[in-house]
Amino acid sequence: ALGTSLNGKGEVSVGAIVSFVGFAMMLIGRME
């Protein structure tokens, strides 16, 4: 949600959002 909003403002690219989601998924896996 936040990535979509920031992309609409030109603050982050689609690739960066994908990387963040990948980091988040990895972090969630590690945290679990």
PDB file of all heavy atoms in Angstrom:
ATOM      1  N   ALA A   1       0.828  -1.210   0.000  1.00  0.00           N
ATOM      2  CA  ALA A   1       0.000   0.000   0.000  1.00  0.00           C
ATOM      3  C   ALA A   1       0.859   1.255   0.000  1.00  0.00           C
ATOM      4  O   ALA A   1       0.644   2.181  -0.805  1.00  0.00           O
ATOM      5  CB  ALA A   1      -0.927  -0.018   1.222  1.00  0.00           C
ATOM      6  N   LEU A   2       1.852   1.298   0.909  1.00  0.00           N
ATOM      7  CA  LEU A   2       2.714   2.477   0.974  1.00  0.00           C
ATOM      8  C   LEU A   2       3.566   2.585  -0.283  1.00  0.00           C
ATOM      9  O   LEU A   2       3.780   3.699  -0.813  1.00  0.00           O
ATOM     10  CB  LEU A   2       3.600   2.406   2.218  1.00  0.00           C
ATOM     11  CG  LEU A   2       4.544   3.588   2.437  1.00  0.00           C
ATOM     12  CD1 LEU A   2       3.777   4.912   2.523  1.00  0.00           C
ATOM     13  CD2 LEU A   2       5.392   3.380   3.702  1.00  0.00           C
ATOM     14  N   GLY A   3       4.042   1.432  -0.787  1.00  0.00           N
ATOM     15  CA  GLY A   3       4.854   1.461  -2.011  1.00  0.00           C
ATOM     16  C   GLY A   3       4.065   1.991  -3.196  1.00  0.00           C
ATOM     17  O   GLY A   3       4.590   2.759  -4.019  1.00  0.00           O
ATOM     18  N   THR A   4       2.799   1.590  -3.306  1.00  0.00           N
ATOM     19  CA  THR A   4       1.948   2.093  -4.393  1.00  0.00           C
ATOM     20  C   THR A   4       1.794   3.600  -4.297  1.00  0.00           C
ATOM     21  O   THR A   4       1.876   4.331  -5.305  1.00  0.00           O
ATOM     22  CB  THR A   4       0.570   1.416  -4.333  1.00  0.00           C
ATOM     23  OG1 THR A   4       0.733   0.002  -4.479  1.00  0.00           O
ATOM     24  CG2 THR A   4      -0.326   1.938  -5.444  1.00  0.00           C
ATOM     25  N   SER A   5       1.583   4.101  -3.077  1.00  0.00           N
ATOM     26  CA  SER A   5       1.436   5.542  -2.875  1.00  0.00           C
ATOM     27  C   SER A   5       2.718   6.280  -3.221  1.00  0.00           C
ATOM     28  O   SER A   5       2.688   7.306  -3.915  1.00  0.00           O
ATOM     29  CB  SER A   5       1.057   5.817  -1.419  1.00  0.00           C
ATOM     30  OG  SER A   5       1.027   7.200  -1.151  1.00  0.00           O
ATOM     31  N   LEU A   6       3.857   5.750  -2.783  1.00  0.00           N
ATOM     32  CA  LEU A   6       5.139   6.413  -3.059  1.00  0.00           C
ATOM     33  C   LEU A   6       5.490   6.343  -4.535  1.00  0.00           C
ATOM     34  O   LEU A   6       6.087   7.287  -5.095  1.00  0.00           O
ATOM     35  CB  LEU A   6       6.250   5.758  -2.224  1.00  0.00           C
ATOM     36  CG  LEU A   6       6.132   5.932  -0.705  1.00  0.00           C
ATOM     37  CD1 LEU A   6       7.251   5.157   0.009  1.00  0.00           C
ATOM     38  CD2 LEU A   6       6.202   7.417  -0.321  1.00  0.00           C
ATOM     39  N   ASN A   7       5.109   5.249  -5.216  1.00  0.00           N
ATOM     40  CA  ASN A   7       5.377   5.130  -6.647  1.00  0.00           C
ATOM     41  C   ASN A   7       4.572   6.167  -7.425  1.00  0.00           C
ATOM     42  O   ASN A   7       5.046   6.738  -8.409  1.00  0.00           O
ATOM     43  CB  ASN A   7       5.041   3.718  -7.125  1.00  0.00           C
ATOM     44  CG  ASN A   7       5.262   3.527  -8.612  1.00  0.00           C
ATOM     45  OD1 ASN A   7       4.298   3.536  -9.386  1.00  0.00           O
ATOM     46  ND2 ASN A   7       6.521   3.378  -9.018  1.00  0.00           N
ATOM     47  N   GLY A   8       3.334   6.395  -6.962  1.00  0.00           N
ATOM     48  CA  GLY A   8       2.502   7.411  -7.615  1.00  0.00           C
ATOM     49  C   GLY A   8       3.092   8.789  -7.480  1.00  0.00           C
ATOM     50  O   GLY A   8       2.887   9.659  -8.342  1.00  0.00           O
ATOM     51  N   LYS A   9       3.883   9.018  -6.425  1.00  0.00           N
ATOM     52  CA  LYS A   9       4.526  10.324  -6.232  1.00  0.00           C
ATOM     53  C   LYS A   9       5.923  10.363  -6.857  1.00  0.00           C
ATOM     54  O   LYS A   9       6.614  11.367  -6.765  1.00  0.00           O
ATOM     55  CB  LYS A   9       4.646  10.620  -4.741  1.00  0.00           C
ATOM     56  CG  LYS A   9       3.297  10.720  -4.037  1.00  0.00           C
ATOM     57  CD  LYS A   9       3.508  10.949  -2.526  1.00  0.00           C
ATOM     58  CE  LYS A   9       2.161  11.006  -1.802  1.00  0.00           C
ATOM     59  NZ  LYS A   9       2.351  11.175  -0.322  1.00  0.00           N
ATOM     60  N   GLY A  10       6.336   9.243  -7.441  1.00  0.00           N
ATOM     61  CA  GLY A  10       7.653   9.185  -8.079  1.00  0.00           C
ATOM     62  C   GLY A  10       8.805   9.011  -7.112  1.00  0.00           C
ATOM     63  O   GLY A  10       9.957   9.252  -7.474  1.00  0.00           O
ATOM     64  N   GLU A  11       8.510   8.597  -5.867  1.00  0.00           N
ATOM     65  CA  GLU A  11       9.573   8.472  -4.869  1.00  0.00           C
ATOM     66  C   GLU A  11      10.252   7.104  -4.891  1.00  0.00           C
ATOM     67  O   GLU A  11      11.330   6.932  -4.316  1.00  0.00           O
ATOM     68  CB  GLU A  11       9.006   8.724  -3.462  1.00  0.00           C
ATOM     69  CG  GLU A  11       8.501  10.140  -3.270  1.00  0.00           C
ATOM     70  CD  GLU A  11       8.017  10.370  -1.840  1.00  0.00           C
ATOM     71  OE1 GLU A  11       8.417   9.561  -0.941  1.00  0.00           O
ATOM     72  OE2 GLU A  11       7.258  11.318  -1.609  1.00  0.00           O
ATOM     73  N   VAL A  12       9.632   6.114  -5.536  1.00  0.00           N
ATOM     74  CA  VAL A  12      10.215   4.773  -5.554  1.00  0.00           C
ATOM     75  C   VAL A  12       9.797   4.071  -6.841  1.00  0.00           C
ATOM     76  O   VAL A  12       8.687   4.282  -7.338  1.00  0.00           O
ATOM     77  CB  VAL A  12       9.757   3.952  -4.320  1.00  0.00           C
ATOM     78  CG1 VAL A  12       8.273   3.711  -4.338  1.00  0.00           C
ATOM     79  CG2 VAL A  12      10.518   2.630  -4.202  1.00  0.00           C
ATOM     80  N   SER A  13      10.709   3.264  -7.381  1.00  0.00           N
ATOM     81  CA  SER A  13      10.410   2.547  -8.621  1.00  0.00           C
ATOM     82  C   SER A  13       9.685   1.238  -8.315  1.00  0.00           C
ATOM     83  O   SER A  13       9.658   0.769  -7.173  1.00  0.00           O
ATOM     84  CB  SER A  13      11.705   2.240  -9.384  1.00  0.00           C
ATOM     85  OG  SER A  13      12.489   1.284  -8.654  1.00  0.00           O
ATOM     86  N   VAL A  14       9.118   0.637  -9.384  1.00  0.00           N
ATOM     87  CA  VAL A  14       8.451  -0.657  -9.219  1.00  0.00           C
ATOM     88  C   VAL A  14       9.455  -1.712  -8.761  1.00  0.00           C
ATOM     89  O   VAL A  14       9.180  -2.549  -7.904  1.00  0.00           O
ATOM     90  CB  VAL A  14       7.767  -1.074 -10.534  1.00  0.00           C
ATOM     91  CG1 VAL A  14       7.200  -2.488 -10.404  1.00  0.00           C
ATOM     92  CG2 VAL A  14       6.675  -0.087 -10.919  1.00  0.00           C
ATOM     93  N   GLY A  15      10.676  -1.661  -9.348  1.00  0.00           N
ATOM     94  CA  GLY A  15      11.711  -2.621  -8.960  1.00  0.00           C
ATOM     95  C   GLY A  15      12.073  -2.507  -7.485  1.00  0.00           C
ATOM     96  O   GLY A  15      12.314  -3.517  -6.809  1.00  0.00           O
ATOM     97  N   ALA A  16      12.130  -1.280  -6.991  1.00  0.00           N
ATOM     98  CA  ALA A  16      12.451  -1.078  -5.574  1.00  0.00           C
ATOM     99  C   ALA A  16      11.346  -1.657  -4.687  1.00  0.00           C
ATOM    100  O   ALA A  16      11.627  -2.237  -3.634  1.00  0.00           O
ATOM    101  CB  ALA A  16      12.638   0.403  -5.290  1.00  0.00           C
ATOM    102  N   ILE A  17      10.086  -1.473  -5.123  1.00  0.00           N
ATOM    103  CA  ILE A  17       8.979  -2.055  -4.351  1.00  0.00           C
ATOM    104  C   ILE A  17       9.102  -3.571  -4.330  1.00  0.00           C
ATOM    105  O   ILE A  17       8.939  -4.220  -3.284  1.00  0.00           O
ATOM    106  CB  ILE A  17       7.624  -1.636  -4.952  1.00  0.00           C
ATOM    107  CG1 ILE A  17       7.426  -0.115  -4.826  1.00  0.00           C
ATOM    108  CG2 ILE A  17       6.476  -2.371  -4.257  1.00  0.00           C
ATOM    109  CD1 ILE A  17       6.168   0.395  -5.509  1.00  0.00           C
ATOM    110  N   VAL A  18       9.427  -4.147  -5.504  1.00  0.00           N
ATOM    111  CA  VAL A  18       9.595  -5.605  -5.579  1.00  0.00           C
ATOM    112  C   VAL A  18      10.734  -6.058  -4.655  1.00  0.00           C
ATOM    113  O   VAL A  18      10.624  -7.059  -3.942  1.00  0.00           O
ATOM    114  CB  VAL A  18       9.863  -6.037  -7.027  1.00  0.00           C
ATOM    115  CG1 VAL A  18      10.270  -7.503  -7.097  1.00  0.00           C
ATOM    116  CG2 VAL A  18       8.632  -5.793  -7.895  1.00  0.00           C
ATOM    117  N   SER A  19      11.849  -5.304  -4.677  1.00  0.00           N
ATOM    118  CA  SER A  19      12.981  -5.658  -3.804  1.00  0.00           C
ATOM    119  C   SER A  19      12.574  -5.575  -2.338  1.00  0.00           C
ATOM    120  O   SER A  19      12.940  -6.428  -1.519  1.00  0.00           O
ATOM    121  CB  SER A  19      14.173  -4.736  -4.066  1.00  0.00           C
ATOM    122  OG  SER A  19      14.689  -4.940  -5.364  1.00  0.00           O
ATOM    123  N   PHE A  20      11.819  -4.518  -1.988  1.00  0.00           N
ATOM    124  CA  PHE A  20      11.375  -4.362  -0.606  1.00  0.00           C
ATOM    125  C   PHE A  20      10.481  -5.516  -0.180  1.00  0.00           C
ATOM    126  O   PHE A  20      10.595  -6.043   0.926  1.00  0.00           O
ATOM    127  CB  PHE A  20      10.629  -3.033  -0.430  1.00  0.00           C
ATOM    128  CG  PHE A  20      11.419  -2.042   0.363  1.00  0.00           C
ATOM    129  CD1 PHE A  20      12.045  -0.984  -0.264  1.00  0.00           C
ATOM    130  CD2 PHE A  20      11.538  -2.181   1.740  1.00  0.00           C
ATOM    131  CE1 PHE A  20      12.780  -0.067   0.464  1.00  0.00           C
ATOM    132  CE2 PHE A  20      12.262  -1.263   2.473  1.00  0.00           C
ATOM    133  CZ  PHE A  20      12.898  -0.200   1.841  1.00  0.00           C
ATOM    134  N   VAL A  21       9.580  -5.891  -1.090  1.00  0.00           N
ATOM    135  CA  VAL A  21       8.706  -7.017  -0.756  1.00  0.00           C
ATOM    136  C   VAL A  21       9.542  -8.279  -0.575  1.00  0.00           C
ATOM    137  O   VAL A  21       9.312  -9.082   0.339  1.00  0.00           O
ATOM    138  CB  VAL A  21       7.635  -7.216  -1.851  1.00  0.00           C
ATOM    139  CG1 VAL A  21       6.858  -8.509  -1.599  1.00  0.00           C
ATOM    140  CG2 VAL A  21       6.675  -6.024  -1.877  1.00  0.00           C
ATOM    141  N   GLY A  22      10.566  -8.449  -1.452  1.00  0.00           N
ATOM    142  CA  GLY A  22      11.453  -9.609  -1.309  1.00  0.00           C
ATOM    143  C   GLY A  22      12.193  -9.573   0.014  1.00  0.00           C
ATOM    144  O   GLY A  22      12.300 -10.592   0.718  1.00  0.00           O
ATOM    145  N   PHE A  23      12.702  -8.365   0.381  1.00  0.00           N
ATOM    146  CA  PHE A  23      13.373  -8.232   1.674  1.00  0.00           C
ATOM    147  C   PHE A  23      12.412  -8.543   2.822  1.00  0.00           C
ATOM    148  O   PHE A  23      12.766  -9.206   3.799  1.00  0.00           O
ATOM    149  CB  PHE A  23      13.919  -6.803   1.838  1.00  0.00           C
ATOM    150  CG  PHE A  23      15.188  -6.549   1.089  1.00  0.00           C
ATOM    151  CD1 PHE A  23      15.428  -5.320   0.499  1.00  0.00           C
ATOM    152  CD2 PHE A  23      16.142  -7.545   0.969  1.00  0.00           C
ATOM    153  CE1 PHE A  23      16.601  -5.082  -0.193  1.00  0.00           C
ATOM    154  CE2 PHE A  23      17.323  -7.310   0.266  1.00  0.00           C
ATOM    155  CZ  PHE A  23      17.554  -6.077  -0.315  1.00  0.00           C
ATOM    156  N   ALA A  24      11.196  -8.014   2.702  1.00  0.00           N
ATOM    157  CA  ALA A  24      10.215  -8.223   3.764  1.00  0.00           C
ATOM    158  C   ALA A  24       9.875  -9.701   3.911  1.00  0.00           C
ATOM    159  O   ALA A  24       9.773 -10.231   5.032  1.00  0.00           O
ATOM    160  CB  ALA A  24       8.955  -7.413   3.473  1.00  0.00           C
ATOM    161  N   MET A  25       9.695 -10.378   2.764  1.00  0.00           N
ATOM    162  CA  MET A  25       9.382 -11.803   2.812  1.00  0.00           C
ATOM    163  C   MET A  25      10.541 -12.593   3.439  1.00  0.00           C
ATOM    164  O   MET A  25      10.340 -13.513   4.232  1.00  0.00           O
ATOM    165  CB  MET A  25       9.104 -12.326   1.403  1.00  0.00           C
ATOM    166  CG  MET A  25       7.840 -11.746   0.763  1.00  0.00           C
ATOM    167  SD  MET A  25       6.323 -12.210   1.636  1.00  0.00           S
ATOM    168  CE  MET A  25       6.250 -13.956   1.248  1.00  0.00           C
ATOM    169  N   MET A  26      11.772 -12.193   3.053  1.00  0.00           N
ATOM    170  CA  MET A  26      12.929 -12.854   3.633  1.00  0.00           C
ATOM    171  C   MET A  26      13.011 -12.573   5.131  1.00  0.00           C
ATOM    172  O   MET A  26      13.282 -13.462   5.951  1.00  0.00           O
ATOM    173  CB  MET A  26      14.214 -12.383   2.946  1.00  0.00           C
ATOM    174  CG  MET A  26      15.473 -13.069   3.480  1.00  0.00           C
ATOM    175  SD  MET A  26      16.979 -12.473   2.688  1.00  0.00           S
ATOM    176  CE  MET A  26      16.725 -13.089   1.034  1.00  0.00           C
ATOM    177  N   LEU A  27      12.780 -11.307   5.494  1.00  0.00           N
ATOM    178  CA  LEU A  27      12.836 -10.944   6.905  1.00  0.00           C
ATOM    179  C   LEU A  27      11.766 -11.686   7.691  1.00  0.00           C
ATOM    180  O   LEU A  27      12.020 -12.174   8.806  1.00  0.00           O
ATOM    181  CB  LEU A  27      12.654  -9.429   7.056  1.00  0.00           C
ATOM    182  CG  LEU A  27      12.688  -8.919   8.509  1.00  0.00           C
ATOM    183  CD1 LEU A  27      14.050  -9.184   9.135  1.00  0.00           C
ATOM    184  CD2 LEU A  27      12.357  -7.428   8.564  1.00  0.00           C
ATOM    185  N   ILE A  28      10.576 -11.793   7.126  1.00  0.00           N
ATOM    186  CA  ILE A  28       9.503 -12.522   7.808  1.00  0.00           C
ATOM    187  C   ILE A  28       9.895 -13.985   8.003  1.00  0.00           C
ATOM    188  O   ILE A  28       9.714 -14.565   9.078  1.00  0.00           O
ATOM    189  CB  ILE A  28       8.186 -12.406   7.007  1.00  0.00           C
ATOM    190  CG1 ILE A  28       7.641 -10.974   7.117  1.00  0.00           C
ATOM    191  CG2 ILE A  28       7.156 -13.416   7.511  1.00  0.00           C
ATOM    192  CD1 ILE A  28       6.474 -10.699   6.185  1.00  0.00           C
ATOM    193  N   GLY A  29      10.475 -14.579   6.943  1.00  0.00           N
ATOM    194  CA  GLY A  29      10.927 -15.964   7.067  1.00  0.00           C
ATOM    195  C   GLY A  29      11.973 -16.114   8.160  1.00  0.00           C
ATOM    196  O   GLY A  29      11.921 -17.039   8.978  1.00  0.00           O
ATOM    197  N   ARG A  30      12.929 -15.177   8.203  1.00  0.00           N
ATOM    198  CA  ARG A  30      13.973 -15.230   9.224  1.00  0.00           C
ATOM    199  C   ARG A  30      13.403 -14.980  10.622  1.00  0.00           C
ATOM    200  O   ARG A  30      13.810 -15.612  11.592  1.00  0.00           O
ATOM    201  CB  ARG A  30      15.061 -14.200   8.916  1.00  0.00           C
ATOM    202  CG  ARG A  30      15.868 -14.501   7.672  1.00  0.00           C
ATOM    203  CD  ARG A  30      16.592 -15.821   7.797  1.00  0.00           C
ATOM    204  NE  ARG A  30      17.413 -16.111   6.625  1.00  0.00           N
ATOM    205  CZ  ARG A  30      18.075 -17.236   6.468  1.00  0.00           C
ATOM    206  NH1 ARG A  30      17.994 -18.190   7.383  1.00  0.00           N
ATOM    207  NH2 ARG A  30      18.795 -17.437   5.373  1.00  0.00           N
ATOM    208  N   MET A  31      12.481 -14.039  10.699  1.00  0.00           N
ATOM    209  CA  MET A  31      11.890 -13.745  12.001  1.00  0.00           C
ATOM    210  C   MET A  31      11.071 -14.938  12.499  1.00  0.00           C
ATOM    211  O   MET A  31      11.042 -15.235  13.701  1.00  0.00           O
ATOM    212  CB  MET A  31      11.009 -12.493  11.918  1.00  0.00           C
ATOM    213  CG  MET A  31      11.792 -11.198  11.695  1.00  0.00           C
ATOM    214  SD  MET A  31      13.001 -10.864  12.996  1.00  0.00           S
ATOM    215  CE  MET A  31      11.923 -10.578  14.398  1.00  0.00           C
ATOM    216  N   GLU A  32      10.385 -15.609  11.580  1.00  0.00           N
ATOM    217  CA  GLU A  32       9.640 -16.807  11.987  1.00  0.00           C
ATOM    218  C   GLU A  32      10.593 -17.911  12.427  1.00  0.00           C
ATOM    219  O   GLU A  32      10.324 -18.632  13.390  1.00  0.00           O
ATOM    220  CB  GLU A  32       8.750 -17.276  10.834  1.00  0.00           C
ATOM    221  CG  GLU A  32       7.543 -16.363  10.596  1.00  0.00           C
ATOM    222  CD  GLU A  32       6.668 -16.862   9.460  1.00  0.00           C
ATOM    223  OE1 GLU A  32       7.125 -17.730   8.689  1.00  0.00           O
ATOM    224  OE2 GLU A  32       5.526 -16.358   9.336  1.00  0.00           O
TER     225      GLU A  32
END
